[in-house]
Amino acid sequence: MNEYIGWLGSFLFAVCALPQVIQTFRTKKSDDLNSLFLLMWFLGEVFTLWYIVMEDFLNNIRHYPLYFNYIFNLLLLSYLLFAKYKYRSA
């Protein structure tokens, strides 16, 4: 049961940026996205994923729901960072 709750929480966290990605992709507008927020979020995801992977490696365990969450978020955030600079207004 605990594993299912972990997967559910990780899935919800992973997809929470999806509505913003879809809206940005459809409208090709990114002016309302704050660059510093996106960068800090991205770096937070990278550092936390690094920490989890290193701790899991040292303790010989795997937290697959967390890996999914952080990797999926990094993909979504990569698009938002790309869009922030590609679709900026003149």
N, C-alpha and C. Protein backbone atom coordinates (compact mmCIF):
# COMPACT_ATOMS: atom_id res chain seq x y z
N MET A 1 0.82 -1.20 0.00
CA MET A 1 0.00 0.00 0.00
C MET A 1 0.86 1.26 0.00
N ASN A 2 1.92 1.24 0.80
CA ASN A 2 2.81 2.39 0.88
C ASN A 2 3.46 2.69 -0.48
N GLU A 3 3.79 1.63 -1.21
CA GLU A 3 4.39 1.80 -2.54
C GLU A 3 3.42 2.50 -3.49
N TYR A 4 2.14 2.14 -3.43
CA TYR A 4 1.13 2.77 -4.28
C TYR A 4 0.95 4.25 -3.94
N ILE A 5 0.98 4.55 -2.67
CA ILE A 5 0.86 5.95 -2.25
C ILE A 5 2.07 6.74 -2.74
N GLY A 6 3.25 6.15 -2.66
CA GLY A 6 4.46 6.80 -3.16
C GLY A 6 4.38 7.06 -4.66
N TRP A 7 3.91 6.07 -5.40
CA TRP A 7 3.76 6.24 -6.85
C TRP A 7 2.72 7.31 -7.17
N LEU A 8 1.61 7.32 -6.45
CA LEU A 8 0.57 8.31 -6.69
C LEU A 8 1.09 9.72 -6.43
N GLY A 9 1.75 9.91 -5.31
CA GLY A 9 2.32 11.22 -4.99
C GLY A 9 3.36 11.65 -6.01
N SER A 10 4.23 10.75 -6.39
CA SER A 10 5.26 11.08 -7.37
C SER A 10 4.65 11.40 -8.73
N PHE A 11 3.63 10.66 -9.11
CA PHE A 11 2.95 10.93 -10.38
C PHE A 11 2.31 12.32 -10.36
N LEU A 12 1.62 12.65 -9.28
CA LEU A 12 0.97 13.96 -9.20
C LEU A 12 1.99 15.09 -9.21
N PHE A 13 3.09 14.94 -8.47
CA PHE A 13 4.14 15.95 -8.51
C PHE A 13 4.77 16.05 -9.90
N ALA A 14 4.95 14.92 -10.54
CA ALA A 14 5.59 14.90 -11.85
C ALA A 14 4.76 15.62 -12.90
N VAL A 15 3.45 15.47 -12.84
CA VAL A 15 2.60 16.04 -13.89
C VAL A 15 2.07 17.44 -13.55
N CYS A 16 2.42 17.98 -12.39
CA CYS A 16 1.86 19.28 -12.02
C CYS A 16 2.32 20.40 -12.96
N ALA A 17 3.44 20.25 -13.64
CA ALA A 17 3.89 21.27 -14.59
C ALA A 17 3.28 21.06 -15.98
N LEU A 18 2.62 19.93 -16.18
CA LEU A 18 2.07 19.61 -17.50
C LEU A 18 1.06 20.63 -18.02
N PRO A 19 0.13 21.13 -17.21
CA PRO A 19 -0.79 22.16 -17.73
C PRO A 19 -0.06 23.40 -18.23
N GLN A 20 1.00 23.82 -17.54
CA GLN A 20 1.76 24.98 -17.99
C GLN A 20 2.50 24.68 -19.29
N VAL A 21 3.05 23.49 -19.41
CA VAL A 21 3.74 23.10 -20.64
C VAL A 21 2.76 23.09 -21.81
N ILE A 22 1.59 22.54 -21.61
CA ILE A 22 0.57 22.48 -22.67
C ILE A 22 0.15 23.88 -23.08
N GLN A 23 -0.11 24.74 -22.08
CA GLN A 23 -0.53 26.11 -22.40
C GLN A 23 0.57 26.86 -23.14
N THR A 24 1.79 26.73 -22.70
CA THR A 24 2.91 27.42 -23.36
C THR A 24 3.10 26.89 -24.77
N PHE A 25 2.97 25.59 -24.95
CA PHE A 25 3.12 25.01 -26.28
C PHE A 25 2.01 25.50 -27.22
N ARG A 26 0.78 25.56 -26.73
CA ARG A 26 -0.35 25.98 -27.57
C ARG A 26 -0.30 27.46 -27.91
N THR A 27 -0.02 28.31 -26.92
CA THR A 27 -0.08 29.76 -27.14
C THR A 27 1.23 30.34 -27.65
N LYS A 28 2.31 29.60 -27.49
CA LYS A 28 3.65 30.10 -27.85
C LYS A 28 3.96 31.40 -27.11
N LYS A 29 3.44 31.53 -25.89
CA LYS A 29 3.71 32.69 -25.04
C LYS A 29 4.34 32.21 -23.75
N SER A 30 5.37 32.94 -23.32
CA SER A 30 6.04 32.56 -22.08
C SER A 30 6.41 33.77 -21.24
N ASP A 31 5.82 34.91 -21.56
CA ASP A 31 6.17 36.15 -20.85
C ASP A 31 5.87 36.07 -19.35
N ASP A 32 4.83 35.34 -18.98
CA ASP A 32 4.45 35.27 -17.56
C ASP A 32 5.27 34.27 -16.77
N LEU A 33 6.13 33.51 -17.43
CA LEU A 33 6.99 32.58 -16.71
C LEU A 33 8.20 33.32 -16.18
N ASN A 34 8.46 33.20 -14.90
CA ASN A 34 9.59 33.88 -14.29
C ASN A 34 10.86 33.03 -14.48
N SER A 35 11.86 33.60 -15.11
CA SER A 35 13.09 32.88 -15.42
C SER A 35 13.80 32.38 -14.18
N LEU A 36 13.87 33.22 -13.16
CA LEU A 36 14.56 32.82 -11.93
C LEU A 36 13.82 31.67 -11.25
N PHE A 37 12.50 31.71 -11.23
CA PHE A 37 11.71 30.62 -10.68
C PHE A 37 11.99 29.32 -11.42
N LEU A 38 11.97 29.36 -12.75
CA LEU A 38 12.21 28.16 -13.54
C LEU A 38 13.61 27.61 -13.31
N LEU A 39 14.59 28.49 -13.26
CA LEU A 39 15.97 28.07 -13.06
C LEU A 39 16.16 27.46 -11.67
N MET A 40 15.60 28.09 -10.64
CA MET A 40 15.72 27.56 -9.29
C MET A 40 15.00 26.23 -9.16
N TRP A 41 13.84 26.10 -9.77
CA TRP A 41 13.08 24.85 -9.75
C TRP A 41 13.90 23.75 -10.44
N PHE A 42 14.46 24.08 -11.62
CA PHE A 42 15.26 23.12 -12.37
C PHE A 42 16.46 22.64 -11.54
N LEU A 43 17.20 23.58 -10.98
CA LEU A 43 18.38 23.21 -10.19
C LEU A 43 17.99 22.43 -8.94
N GLY A 44 16.88 22.79 -8.32
CA GLY A 44 16.39 22.04 -7.17
C GLY A 44 16.10 20.59 -7.53
N GLU A 45 15.50 20.39 -8.70
CA GLU A 45 15.21 19.03 -9.17
C GLU A 45 16.51 18.26 -9.42
N VAL A 46 17.47 18.91 -10.07
CA VAL A 46 18.76 18.26 -10.38
C VAL A 46 19.47 17.85 -9.10
N PHE A 47 19.60 18.78 -8.16
CA PHE A 47 20.34 18.49 -6.93
C PHE A 47 19.64 17.44 -6.08
N THR A 48 18.31 17.50 -6.00
CA THR A 48 17.59 16.51 -5.21
C THR A 48 17.67 15.13 -5.85
N LEU A 49 17.55 15.06 -7.17
CA LEU A 49 17.70 13.78 -7.86
C LEU A 49 19.09 13.22 -7.61
N TRP A 50 20.10 14.05 -7.72
CA TRP A 50 21.48 13.62 -7.47
C TRP A 50 21.61 13.04 -6.07
N TYR A 51 21.06 13.74 -5.08
CA TYR A 51 21.12 13.28 -3.70
C TYR A 51 20.44 11.92 -3.53
N ILE A 52 19.25 11.79 -4.09
CA ILE A 52 18.50 10.53 -3.95
C ILE A 52 19.25 9.37 -4.60
N VAL A 53 19.76 9.59 -5.80
CA VAL A 53 20.48 8.53 -6.51
C VAL A 53 21.74 8.14 -5.73
N MET A 54 22.49 9.12 -5.24
CA MET A 54 23.72 8.80 -4.50
C MET A 54 23.40 8.07 -3.20
N GLU A 55 22.40 8.52 -2.47
CA GLU A 55 22.02 7.84 -1.22
C GLU A 55 21.53 6.42 -1.49
N ASP A 56 20.73 6.28 -2.54
CA ASP A 56 20.23 4.95 -2.89
C ASP A 56 21.38 4.03 -3.29
N PHE A 57 22.33 4.56 -4.03
CA PHE A 57 23.48 3.76 -4.44
C PHE A 57 24.28 3.31 -3.21
N LEU A 58 24.52 4.23 -2.29
CA LEU A 58 25.29 3.90 -1.09
C LEU A 58 24.57 2.91 -0.19
N ASN A 59 23.23 2.97 -0.16
CA ASN A 59 22.45 2.10 0.72
C ASN A 59 21.86 0.90 -0.01
N ASN A 60 22.19 0.77 -1.29
CA ASN A 60 21.74 -0.34 -2.11
C ASN A 60 20.21 -0.50 -2.11
N ILE A 61 19.52 0.63 -2.27
CA ILE A 61 18.07 0.62 -2.42
C ILE A 61 17.70 1.48 -3.62
N ARG A 62 16.48 1.38 -4.07
CA ARG A 62 16.02 2.16 -5.22
C ARG A 62 14.66 2.76 -4.91
N HIS A 63 14.53 4.04 -5.18
CA HIS A 63 13.26 4.75 -5.01
C HIS A 63 12.73 5.13 -6.40
N TYR A 64 12.20 4.16 -7.12
CA TYR A 64 11.77 4.39 -8.49
C TYR A 64 10.69 5.46 -8.63
N PRO A 65 9.73 5.57 -7.70
CA PRO A 65 8.75 6.66 -7.84
C PRO A 65 9.42 8.04 -7.81
N LEU A 66 10.44 8.20 -6.99
CA LEU A 66 11.14 9.49 -6.93
C LEU A 66 11.94 9.74 -8.20
N TYR A 67 12.58 8.70 -8.72
CA TYR A 67 13.32 8.86 -9.98
C TYR A 67 12.38 9.34 -11.08
N PHE A 68 11.22 8.67 -11.17
CA PHE A 68 10.23 9.06 -12.18
C PHE A 68 9.83 10.51 -12.00
N ASN A 69 9.51 10.91 -10.79
CA ASN A 69 9.08 12.27 -10.51
C ASN A 69 10.12 13.28 -10.97
N TYR A 70 11.34 13.14 -10.52
CA TYR A 70 12.37 14.13 -10.80
C TYR A 70 12.78 14.14 -12.27
N ILE A 71 12.89 12.99 -12.88
CA ILE A 71 13.27 12.95 -14.29
C ILE A 71 12.17 13.54 -15.17
N PHE A 72 10.91 13.21 -14.91
CA PHE A 72 9.81 13.76 -15.69
C PHE A 72 9.72 15.27 -15.50
N ASN A 73 9.89 15.74 -14.27
CA ASN A 73 9.88 17.17 -14.02
C ASN A 73 11.03 17.87 -14.75
N LEU A 74 12.19 17.25 -14.78
CA LEU A 74 13.32 17.85 -15.50
C LEU A 74 13.02 17.97 -16.99
N LEU A 75 12.34 16.99 -17.55
CA LEU A 75 11.96 17.07 -18.96
C LEU A 75 10.99 18.22 -19.20
N LEU A 76 9.97 18.33 -18.36
CA LEU A 76 8.99 19.41 -18.51
C LEU A 76 9.64 20.77 -18.30
N LEU A 77 10.47 20.88 -17.29
CA LEU A 77 11.15 22.15 -17.03
C LEU A 77 12.12 22.52 -18.13
N SER A 78 12.76 21.54 -18.72
CA SER A 78 13.66 21.82 -19.85
C SER A 78 12.88 22.48 -20.98
N TYR A 79 11.68 21.97 -21.25
CA TYR A 79 10.86 22.60 -22.29
C TYR A 79 10.47 24.02 -21.89
N LEU A 80 10.06 24.22 -20.64
CA LEU A 80 9.64 25.56 -20.22
C LEU A 80 10.81 26.55 -20.29
N LEU A 81 12.00 26.12 -19.91
CA LEU A 81 13.17 27.00 -20.03
C LEU A 81 13.48 27.31 -21.49
N PHE A 82 13.38 26.29 -22.33
CA PHE A 82 13.57 26.50 -23.77
C PHE A 82 12.53 27.48 -24.30
N ALA A 83 11.27 27.28 -23.94
CA ALA A 83 10.19 28.13 -24.42
C ALA A 83 10.32 29.55 -23.92
N LYS A 84 10.82 29.72 -22.71
CA LYS A 84 10.98 31.06 -22.14
C LYS A 84 11.86 31.92 -23.03
N TYR A 85 12.87 31.33 -23.61
CA TYR A 85 13.78 32.11 -24.46
C TYR A 85 13.39 32.06 -25.93
N LYS A 86 12.75 31.01 -26.37
CA LYS A 86 12.33 30.93 -27.77
C LYS A 86 11.13 31.83 -28.06
N TYR A 87 10.18 31.90 -27.14
CA TYR A 87 8.94 32.64 -27.39
C TYR A 87 8.87 34.01 -26.74
N ARG A 88 10.00 34.52 -26.25
CA ARG A 88 9.93 35.82 -25.59
C ARG A 88 9.57 36.91 -26.59
N SER A 89 8.81 37.87 -26.10
CA SER A 89 8.37 38.97 -26.97
C SER A 89 9.48 39.99 -27.13
N ALA A 90 9.42 40.70 -28.21
CA ALA A 90 10.49 41.65 -28.55
C ALA A 90 10.46 42.90 -27.72
